[in-house]
């Protein structure tokens, strides 16, 4: 069962996230990165359940913390570009 759920998360979660992160506006890329980090964490949790190793759960925990921090940094760096796009329209 965990294998099917993890495979479904890869198809339904990671594929659209990679597409959004690769294409689109700045906001769409940010949303894609957030979706990718959440989907990646869930896939890693599913993989740890498949191999029945609870020690593997530290990786998704660290990914979740770093993804939230990375999003804040990315948003801070992106803010001047968003302001200039709004002024240009």
PDB file of N, CA and C in Angstrom:
ATOM      1  N   UNK A   1       0.818  -1.191   0.000  1.00  0.00           N
ATOM      2  CA  UNK A   1       0.000   0.000   0.000  1.00  0.00           C
ATOM      3  C   UNK A   1       0.871   1.268   0.000  1.00  0.00           C
ATOM      4  N   UNK A   2       1.915   1.284   0.808  1.00  0.00           N
ATOM      5  CA  UNK A   2       2.780   2.463   0.857  1.00  0.00           C
ATOM      6  C   UNK A   2       3.469   2.720  -0.473  1.00  0.00           C
ATOM      7  N   UNK A   3       3.745   1.660  -1.190  1.00  0.00           N
ATOM      8  CA  UNK A   3       4.387   1.820  -2.494  1.00  0.00           C
ATOM      9  C   UNK A   3       3.457   2.538  -3.469  1.00  0.00           C
ATOM     10  N   UNK A   4       2.199   2.151  -3.467  1.00  0.00           N
ATOM     11  CA  UNK A   4       1.229   2.787  -4.364  1.00  0.00           C
ATOM     12  C   UNK A   4       1.010   4.252  -4.000  1.00  0.00           C
ATOM     13  N   UNK A   5       0.953   4.538  -2.706  1.00  0.00           N
ATOM     14  CA  UNK A   5       0.756   5.918  -2.264  1.00  0.00           C
ATOM     15  C   UNK A   5       1.962   6.777  -2.632  1.00  0.00           C
ATOM     16  N   UNK A   6       3.156   6.236  -2.440  1.00  0.00           N
ATOM     17  CA  UNK A   6       4.365   6.985  -2.769  1.00  0.00           C
ATOM     18  C   UNK A   6       4.473   7.219  -4.267  1.00  0.00           C
ATOM     19  N   UNK A   7       4.137   6.226  -5.050  1.00  0.00           N
ATOM     20  CA  UNK A   7       4.155   6.377  -6.501  1.00  0.00           C
ATOM     21  C   UNK A   7       3.125   7.414  -6.958  1.00  0.00           C
ATOM     22  N   UNK A   8       1.953   7.397  -6.328  1.00  0.00           N
ATOM     23  CA  UNK A   8       0.928   8.397  -6.662  1.00  0.00           C
ATOM     24  C   UNK A   8       1.388   9.806  -6.305  1.00  0.00           C
ATOM     25  N   UNK A   9       2.078   9.942  -5.177  1.00  0.00           N
ATOM     26  CA  UNK A   9       2.611  11.256  -4.802  1.00  0.00           C
ATOM     27  C   UNK A   9       3.656  11.733  -5.798  1.00  0.00           C
ATOM     28  N   UNK A  10       4.457  10.820  -6.297  1.00  0.00           N
ATOM     29  CA  UNK A  10       5.451  11.201  -7.301  1.00  0.00           C
ATOM     30  C   UNK A  10       4.789  11.716  -8.567  1.00  0.00           C
ATOM     31  N   UNK A  11       3.744  11.047  -8.996  1.00  0.00           N
ATOM     32  CA  UNK A  11       3.085  11.427 -10.245  1.00  0.00           C
ATOM     33  C   UNK A  11       2.232  12.679 -10.054  1.00  0.00           C
ATOM     34  N   UNK A  12       1.438  12.711  -8.990  1.00  0.00           N
ATOM     35  CA  UNK A  12       0.471  13.795  -8.799  1.00  0.00           C
ATOM     36  C   UNK A  12       1.106  15.032  -8.165  1.00  0.00           C
ATOM     37  N   UNK A  13       2.117  14.849  -7.323  1.00  0.00           N
ATOM     38  CA  UNK A  13       2.681  15.989  -6.617  1.00  0.00           C
ATOM     39  C   UNK A  13       3.953  16.535  -7.212  1.00  0.00           C
ATOM     40  N   UNK A  14       4.889  15.659  -7.525  1.00  0.00           N
ATOM     41  CA  UNK A  14       6.209  16.118  -7.946  1.00  0.00           C
ATOM     42  C   UNK A  14       6.209  16.591  -9.396  1.00  0.00           C
ATOM     43  N   UNK A  15       5.522  15.903 -10.271  1.00  0.00           N
ATOM     44  CA  UNK A  15       5.530  16.280 -11.685  1.00  0.00           C
ATOM     45  C   UNK A  15       4.974  17.694 -11.928  1.00  0.00           C
ATOM     46  N   UNK A  16       3.803  18.054 -11.386  1.00  0.00           N
ATOM     47  CA  UNK A  16       3.340  19.435 -11.582  1.00  0.00           C
ATOM     48  C   UNK A  16       4.224  20.466 -10.885  1.00  0.00           C
ATOM     49  N   UNK A  17       4.824  20.076  -9.760  1.00  0.00           N
ATOM     50  CA  UNK A  17       5.699  21.006  -9.042  1.00  0.00           C
ATOM     51  C   UNK A  17       6.944  21.327  -9.856  1.00  0.00           C
ATOM     52  N   UNK A  18       7.510  20.325 -10.492  1.00  0.00           N
ATOM     53  CA  UNK A  18       8.685  20.563 -11.330  1.00  0.00           C
ATOM     54  C   UNK A  18       8.316  21.429 -12.524  1.00  0.00           C
ATOM     55  N   UNK A  19       7.158  21.195 -13.107  1.00  0.00           N
ATOM     56  CA  UNK A  19       6.706  22.015 -14.231  1.00  0.00           C
ATOM     57  C   UNK A  19       6.526  23.470 -13.805  1.00  0.00           C
ATOM     58  N   UNK A  20       5.888  23.686 -12.635  1.00  0.00           N
ATOM     59  CA  UNK A  20       5.691  25.057 -12.161  1.00  0.00           C
ATOM     60  C   UNK A  20       7.018  25.724 -11.809  1.00  0.00           C
ATOM     61  N   UNK A  21       7.928  24.980 -11.222  1.00  0.00           N
ATOM     62  CA  UNK A  21       9.220  25.555 -10.832  1.00  0.00           C
ATOM     63  C   UNK A  21      10.076  25.887 -12.051  1.00  0.00           C
ATOM     64  N   UNK A  22       9.871  25.179 -13.146  1.00  0.00           N
ATOM     65  CA  UNK A  22      10.685  25.399 -14.339  1.00  0.00           C
ATOM     66  C   UNK A  22      10.117  26.497 -15.244  1.00  0.00           C
ATOM     67  N   UNK A  23       8.810  26.693 -15.221  1.00  0.00           N
ATOM     68  CA  UNK A  23       8.181  27.652 -16.125  1.00  0.00           C
ATOM     69  C   UNK A  23       7.250  28.561 -15.340  1.00  0.00           C
ATOM     70  N   UNK A  24       6.897  29.646 -15.946  1.00  0.00           N
ATOM     71  CA  UNK A  24       5.926  30.534 -15.325  1.00  0.00           C
ATOM     72  C   UNK A  24       6.559  31.791 -14.761  1.00  0.00           C
ATOM     73  N   UNK A  25       5.717  32.564 -14.103  1.00  0.00           N
ATOM     74  CA  UNK A  25       6.178  33.820 -13.514  1.00  0.00           C
ATOM     75  C   UNK A  25       6.931  33.537 -12.215  1.00  0.00           C
ATOM     76  N   UNK A  26       7.422  34.584 -11.604  1.00  0.00           N
ATOM     77  CA  UNK A  26       8.163  34.426 -10.354  1.00  0.00           C
ATOM     78  C   UNK A  26       7.305  33.811  -9.255  1.00  0.00           C
ATOM     79  N   UNK A  27       6.072  34.236  -9.162  1.00  0.00           N
ATOM     80  CA  UNK A  27       5.172  33.710  -8.132  1.00  0.00           C
ATOM     81  C   UNK A  27       4.858  32.240  -8.394  1.00  0.00           C
ATOM     82  N   UNK A  28       4.650  31.872  -9.648  1.00  0.00           N
ATOM     83  CA  UNK A  28       4.383  30.473  -9.978  1.00  0.00           C
ATOM     84  C   UNK A  28       5.580  29.593  -9.680  1.00  0.00           C
ATOM     85  N   UNK A  29       6.783  30.101  -9.910  1.00  0.00           N
ATOM     86  CA  UNK A  29       7.979  29.325  -9.578  1.00  0.00           C
ATOM     87  C   UNK A  29       8.112  29.141  -8.076  1.00  0.00           C
ATOM     88  N   UNK A  30       7.761  30.156  -7.306  1.00  0.00           N
ATOM     89  CA  UNK A  30       7.795  30.045  -5.852  1.00  0.00           C
ATOM     90  C   UNK A  30       6.790  29.010  -5.366  1.00  0.00           C
ATOM     91  N   UNK A  31       5.599  29.025  -5.935  1.00  0.00           N
ATOM     92  CA  UNK A  31       4.583  28.034  -5.576  1.00  0.00           C
ATOM     93  C   UNK A  31       5.050  26.633  -5.967  1.00  0.00           C
ATOM     94  N   UNK A  32       5.687  26.508  -7.116  1.00  0.00           N
ATOM     95  CA  UNK A  32       6.213  25.216  -7.539  1.00  0.00           C
ATOM     96  C   UNK A  32       7.282  24.692  -6.597  1.00  0.00           C
ATOM     97  N   UNK A  33       8.151  25.577  -6.109  1.00  0.00           N
ATOM     98  CA  UNK A  33       9.177  25.152  -5.155  1.00  0.00           C
ATOM     99  C   UNK A  33       8.561  24.707  -3.842  1.00  0.00           C
ATOM    100  N   UNK A  34       7.543  25.415  -3.384  1.00  0.00           N
ATOM    101  CA  UNK A  34       6.863  25.010  -2.157  1.00  0.00           C
ATOM    102  C   UNK A  34       6.178  23.658  -2.325  1.00  0.00           C
ATOM    103  N   UNK A  35       5.493  23.487  -3.445  1.00  0.00           N
ATOM    104  CA  UNK A  35       4.829  22.215  -3.714  1.00  0.00           C
ATOM    105  C   UNK A  35       5.838  21.086  -3.835  1.00  0.00           C
ATOM    106  N   UNK A  36       6.985  21.367  -4.425  1.00  0.00           N
ATOM    107  CA  UNK A  36       8.033  20.356  -4.565  1.00  0.00           C
ATOM    108  C   UNK A  36       8.602  19.960  -3.210  1.00  0.00           C
ATOM    109  N   UNK A  37       8.792  20.908  -2.329  1.00  0.00           N
ATOM    110  CA  UNK A  37       9.333  20.569  -1.016  1.00  0.00           C
ATOM    111  C   UNK A  37       8.333  19.757  -0.192  1.00  0.00           C
ATOM    112  N   UNK A  38       7.063  20.111  -0.269  1.00  0.00           N
ATOM    113  CA  UNK A  38       6.050  19.349   0.460  1.00  0.00           C
ATOM    114  C   UNK A  38       5.906  17.950  -0.126  1.00  0.00           C
ATOM    115  N   UNK A  39       5.837  17.858  -1.441  1.00  0.00           N
ATOM    116  CA  UNK A  39       5.708  16.547  -2.086  1.00  0.00           C
ATOM    117  C   UNK A  39       6.950  15.692  -1.841  1.00  0.00           C
ATOM    118  N   UNK A  40       8.119  16.319  -1.893  1.00  0.00           N
ATOM    119  CA  UNK A  40       9.355  15.579  -1.623  1.00  0.00           C
ATOM    120  C   UNK A  40       9.402  15.039  -0.209  1.00  0.00           C
ATOM    121  N   UNK A  41       8.957  15.836   0.749  1.00  0.00           N
ATOM    122  CA  UNK A  41       8.914  15.364   2.140  1.00  0.00           C
ATOM    123  C   UNK A  41       7.957  14.187   2.288  1.00  0.00           C
ATOM    124  N   UNK A  42       6.790  14.283   1.657  1.00  0.00           N
ATOM    125  CA  UNK A  42       5.827  13.189   1.753  1.00  0.00           C
ATOM    126  C   UNK A  42       6.327  11.921   1.066  1.00  0.00           C
ATOM    127  N   UNK A  43       7.019  12.079  -0.051  1.00  0.00           N
ATOM    128  CA  UNK A  43       7.589  10.914  -0.734  1.00  0.00           C
ATOM    129  C   UNK A  43       8.657  10.262   0.141  1.00  0.00           C
ATOM    130  N   UNK A  44       9.489  11.066   0.775  1.00  0.00           N
ATOM    131  CA  UNK A  44      10.514  10.503   1.655  1.00  0.00           C
ATOM    132  C   UNK A  44       9.914   9.806   2.867  1.00  0.00           C
ATOM    133  N   UNK A  45       8.814  10.338   3.392  1.00  0.00           N
ATOM    134  CA  UNK A  45       8.118   9.664   4.488  1.00  0.00           C
ATOM    135  C   UNK A  45       7.558   8.327   4.011  1.00  0.00           C
ATOM    136  N   UNK A  46       6.986   8.314   2.807  1.00  0.00           N
ATOM    137  CA  UNK A  46       6.481   7.060   2.242  1.00  0.00           C
ATOM    138  C   UNK A  46       7.579   6.046   2.014  1.00  0.00           C
ATOM    139  N   UNK A  47       8.734   6.503   1.542  1.00  0.00           N
ATOM    140  CA  UNK A  47       9.849   5.579   1.337  1.00  0.00           C
ATOM    141  C   UNK A  47      10.361   5.003   2.651  1.00  0.00           C
ATOM    142  N   UNK A  48      10.367   5.803   3.698  1.00  0.00           N
ATOM    143  CA  UNK A  48      10.795   5.267   4.992  1.00  0.00           C
ATOM    144  C   UNK A  48       9.791   4.247   5.529  1.00  0.00           C
ATOM    145  N   UNK A  49       8.514   4.432   5.207  1.00  0.00           N
ATOM    146  CA  UNK A  49       7.509   3.443   5.612  1.00  0.00           C
ATOM    147  C   UNK A  49       7.637   2.165   4.787  1.00  0.00           C
ATOM    148  N   UNK A  50       8.036   2.292   3.518  1.00  0.00           N
ATOM    149  CA  UNK A  50       8.192   1.113   2.670  1.00  0.00           C
ATOM    150  C   UNK A  50       9.318   0.221   3.189  1.00  0.00           C
ATOM    151  N   UNK A  51      10.453   0.825   3.541  1.00  0.00           N
ATOM    152  CA  UNK A  51      11.591   0.038   4.010  1.00  0.00           C
ATOM    153  C   UNK A  51      11.534  -0.221   5.505  1.00  0.00           C
ATOM    154  N   UNK A  52      10.519   0.345   6.180  1.00  0.00           N
ATOM    155  CA  UNK A  52      10.280   0.116   7.597  1.00  0.00           C
ATOM    156  C   UNK A  52      11.468   0.548   8.461  1.00  0.00           C
ATOM    157  N   UNK A  53      12.000   1.720   8.155  1.00  0.00           N
ATOM    158  CA  UNK A  53      13.112   2.296   8.920  1.00  0.00           C
ATOM    159  C   UNK A  53      12.681   3.665   9.431  1.00  0.00           C
ATOM    160  N   UNK A  54      12.387   3.748  10.711  1.00  0.00           N
ATOM    161  CA  UNK A  54      11.964   5.029  11.267  1.00  0.00           C
ATOM    162  C   UNK A  54      13.114   6.029  11.357  1.00  0.00           C
ATOM    163  N   UNK A  55      14.351   5.547  11.293  1.00  0.00           N
ATOM    164  CA  UNK A  55      15.486   6.464  11.351  1.00  0.00           C
ATOM    165  C   UNK A  55      15.596   7.307  10.083  1.00  0.00           C
ATOM    166  N   UNK A  56      14.956   6.905   9.008  1.00  0.00           N
ATOM    167  CA  UNK A  56      14.981   7.674   7.765  1.00  0.00           C
ATOM    168  C   UNK A  56      14.055   8.895   7.810  1.00  0.00           C
ATOM    169  N   UNK A  57      13.278   9.032   8.869  1.00  0.00           N
ATOM    170  CA  UNK A  57      12.343  10.153   8.964  1.00  0.00           C
ATOM    171  C   UNK A  57      13.034  11.476   9.280  1.00  0.00           C
ATOM    172  N   UNK A  58      14.314  11.441   9.651  1.00  0.00           N
ATOM    173  CA  UNK A  58      15.027  12.678   9.951  1.00  0.00           C
ATOM    174  C   UNK A  58      15.236  13.509   8.686  1.00  0.00           C
ATOM    175  N   UNK A  59      15.391  12.855   7.548  1.00  0.00           N
ATOM    176  CA  UNK A  59      15.627  13.577   6.292  1.00  0.00           C
ATOM    177  C   UNK A  59      14.422  14.439   5.899  1.00  0.00           C
ATOM    178  N   UNK A  60      13.184  13.903   5.897  1.00  0.00           N
ATOM    179  CA  UNK A  60      12.055  14.788   5.572  1.00  0.00           C
ATOM    180  C   UNK A  60      11.846  15.887   6.610  1.00  0.00           C
ATOM    181  N   UNK A  61      12.190  15.618   7.863  1.00  0.00           N
ATOM    182  CA  UNK A  61      12.072  16.649   8.885  1.00  0.00           C
ATOM    183  C   UNK A  61      13.023  17.806   8.604  1.00  0.00           C
ATOM    184  N   UNK A  62      14.249  17.501   8.273  1.00  0.00           N
ATOM    185  CA  UNK A  62      15.223  18.544   7.942  1.00  0.00           C
ATOM    186  C   UNK A  62      14.819  19.260   6.654  1.00  0.00           C
ATOM    187  N   UNK A  63      14.308  18.517   5.673  1.00  0.00           N
ATOM    188  CA  UNK A  63      13.853  19.131   4.427  1.00  0.00           C
ATOM    189  C   UNK A  63      12.720  20.115   4.671  1.00  0.00           C
ATOM    190  N   UNK A  64      11.799  19.775   5.550  1.00  0.00           N
ATOM    191  CA  UNK A  64      10.677  20.675   5.844  1.00  0.00           C
ATOM    192  C   UNK A  64      11.162  21.968   6.490  1.00  0.00           C
ATOM    193  N   UNK A  65      12.106  21.860   7.410  1.00  0.00           N
ATOM    194  CA  UNK A  65      12.628  23.058   8.071  1.00  0.00           C
ATOM    195  C   UNK A  65      13.406  23.920   7.087  1.00  0.00           C
ATOM    196  N   UNK A  66      14.259  23.290   6.283  1.00  0.00           N
ATOM    197  CA  UNK A  66      15.056  24.050   5.326  1.00  0.00           C
ATOM    198  C   UNK A  66      14.203  24.634   4.199  1.00  0.00           C
ATOM    199  N   UNK A  67      13.144  23.943   3.820  1.00  0.00           N
ATOM    200  CA  UNK A  67      12.282  24.451   2.753  1.00  0.00           C
ATOM    201  C   UNK A  67      11.554  25.717   3.196  1.00  0.00           C
ATOM    202  N   UNK A  68      11.087  25.735   4.426  1.00  0.00           N
ATOM    203  CA  UNK A  68      10.417  26.941   4.925  1.00  0.00           C
ATOM    204  C   UNK A  68      11.389  28.106   4.988  1.00  0.00           C
ATOM    205  N   UNK A  69      12.590  27.855   5.463  1.00  0.00           N
ATOM    206  CA  UNK A  69      13.603  28.903   5.528  1.00  0.00           C
ATOM    207  C   UNK A  69      14.011  29.354   4.135  1.00  0.00           C
ATOM    208  N   UNK A  70      14.183  28.413   3.230  1.00  0.00           N
ATOM    209  CA  UNK A  70      14.552  28.752   1.858  1.00  0.00           C
ATOM    210  C   UNK A  70      13.497  29.569   1.156  1.00  0.00           C
ATOM    211  N   UNK A  71      12.241  29.302   1.440  1.00  0.00           N
ATOM    212  CA  UNK A  71      11.161  30.075   0.841  1.00  0.00           C
ATOM    213  C   UNK A  71      11.189  31.522   1.329  1.00  0.00           C
ATOM    214  N   UNK A  72      11.465  31.699   2.603  1.00  0.00           N
ATOM    215  CA  UNK A  72      11.558  33.058   3.133  1.00  0.00           C
ATOM    216  C   UNK A  72      12.710  33.829   2.499  1.00  0.00           C
ATOM    217  N   UNK A  73      13.842  33.170   2.336  1.00  0.00           N
ATOM    218  CA  UNK A  73      15.001  33.818   1.708  1.00  0.00           C
ATOM    219  C   UNK A  73      14.702  34.119   0.247  1.00  0.00           C
ATOM    220  N   UNK A  74      14.125  33.167  -0.472  1.00  0.00           N
ATOM    221  CA  UNK A  74      13.795  33.350  -1.879  1.00  0.00           C
ATOM    222  C   UNK A  74      12.803  34.494  -2.058  1.00  0.00           C
ATOM    223  N   UNK A  75      11.821  34.570  -1.172  1.00  0.00           N
ATOM    224  CA  UNK A  75      10.834  35.648  -1.248  1.00  0.00           C
ATOM    225  C   UNK A  75      11.482  36.997  -0.980  1.00  0.00           C
ATOM    226  N   UNK A  76      12.401  37.039  -0.045  1.00  0.00           N
ATOM    227  CA  UNK A  76      13.097  38.290   0.268  1.00  0.00           C
ATOM    228  C   UNK A  76      13.945  38.751  -0.921  1.00  0.00           C
ATOM    229  N   UNK A  77      14.607  37.819  -1.577  1.00  0.00           N
ATOM    230  CA  UNK A  77      15.412  38.170  -2.746  1.00  0.00           C
ATOM    231  C   UNK A  77      14.549  38.508  -3.956  1.00  0.00           C
ATOM    232  N   UNK A  78      13.346  37.963  -4.008  1.00  0.00           N
ATOM    233  CA  UNK A  78      12.455  38.161  -5.138  1.00  0.00           C
ATOM    234  C   UNK A  78      11.681  39.469  -5.045  1.00  0.00           C
ATOM    235  N   UNK A  79      11.558  40.036  -3.866  1.00  0.00           N
ATOM    236  CA  UNK A  79      10.734  41.217  -3.645  1.00  0.00           C
ATOM    237  C   UNK A  79      11.091  42.400  -4.545  1.00  0.00           C
ATOM    238  N   UNK A  80      12.360  42.763  -4.730  1.00  0.00           N
ATOM    239  CA  UNK A  80      12.639  43.892  -5.636  1.00  0.00           C
ATOM    240  C   UNK A  80      12.189  43.635  -7.075  1.00  0.00           C
ATOM    241  N   UNK A  81      12.277  42.387  -7.521  1.00  0.00           N
ATOM    242  CA  UNK A  81      11.869  42.070  -8.889  1.00  0.00           C
ATOM    243  C   UNK A  81      10.361  42.137  -9.052  1.00  0.00           C
ATOM    244  N   UNK A  82       9.633  41.795  -8.024  1.00  0.00           N
ATOM    245  CA  UNK A  82       8.184  41.891  -8.084  1.00  0.00           C
ATOM    246  C   UNK A  82       7.770  43.360  -8.149  1.00  0.00           C
ATOM    247  N   UNK A  83       8.440  44.207  -7.382  1.00  0.00           N
ATOM    248  CA  UNK A  83       8.124  45.640  -7.396  1.00  0.00           C
ATOM    249  C   UNK A  83       8.379  46.258  -8.770  1.00  0.00           C
ATOM    250  N   UNK A  84       9.474  45.861  -9.417  1.00  0.00           N
ATOM    251  CA  UNK A  84       9.781  46.432 -10.725  1.00  0.00           C
ATOM    252  C   UNK A  84       8.829  45.923 -11.798  1.00  0.00           C
ATOM    253  N   UNK A  85       8.336  44.688 -11.657  1.00  0.00           N
ATOM    254  CA  UNK A  85       7.363  44.174 -12.626  1.00  0.00           C
ATOM    255  C   UNK A  85       6.044  44.925 -12.510  1.00  0.00           C
ATOM    256  N   UNK A  86       5.629  45.257 -11.292  1.00  0.00           N
ATOM    257  CA  UNK A  86       4.386  45.987 -11.105  1.00  0.00           C
ATOM    258  C   UNK A  86       4.495  47.415 -11.636  1.00  0.00           C
ATOM    259  N   UNK A  87       5.682  48.036 -11.479  1.00  0.00           N
ATOM    260  CA  UNK A  87       5.875  49.400 -11.973  1.00  0.00           C
ATOM    261  C   UNK A  87       5.877  49.438 -13.499  1.00  0.00           C
ATOM    262  N   UNK A  88       6.358  48.360 -14.130  1.00  0.00           N
ATOM    263  CA  UNK A  88       6.473  48.338 -15.576  1.00  0.00           C
ATOM    264  C   UNK A  88       5.147  48.110 -16.282  1.00  0.00           C
ATOM    265  N   UNK A  89       4.136  47.681 -15.578  1.00  0.00           N
ATOM    266  CA  UNK A  89       2.856  47.381 -16.225  1.00  0.00           C
ATOM    267  C   UNK A  89       1.960  48.553 -16.308  1.00  0.00           C
TER     268      UNK A  89
END
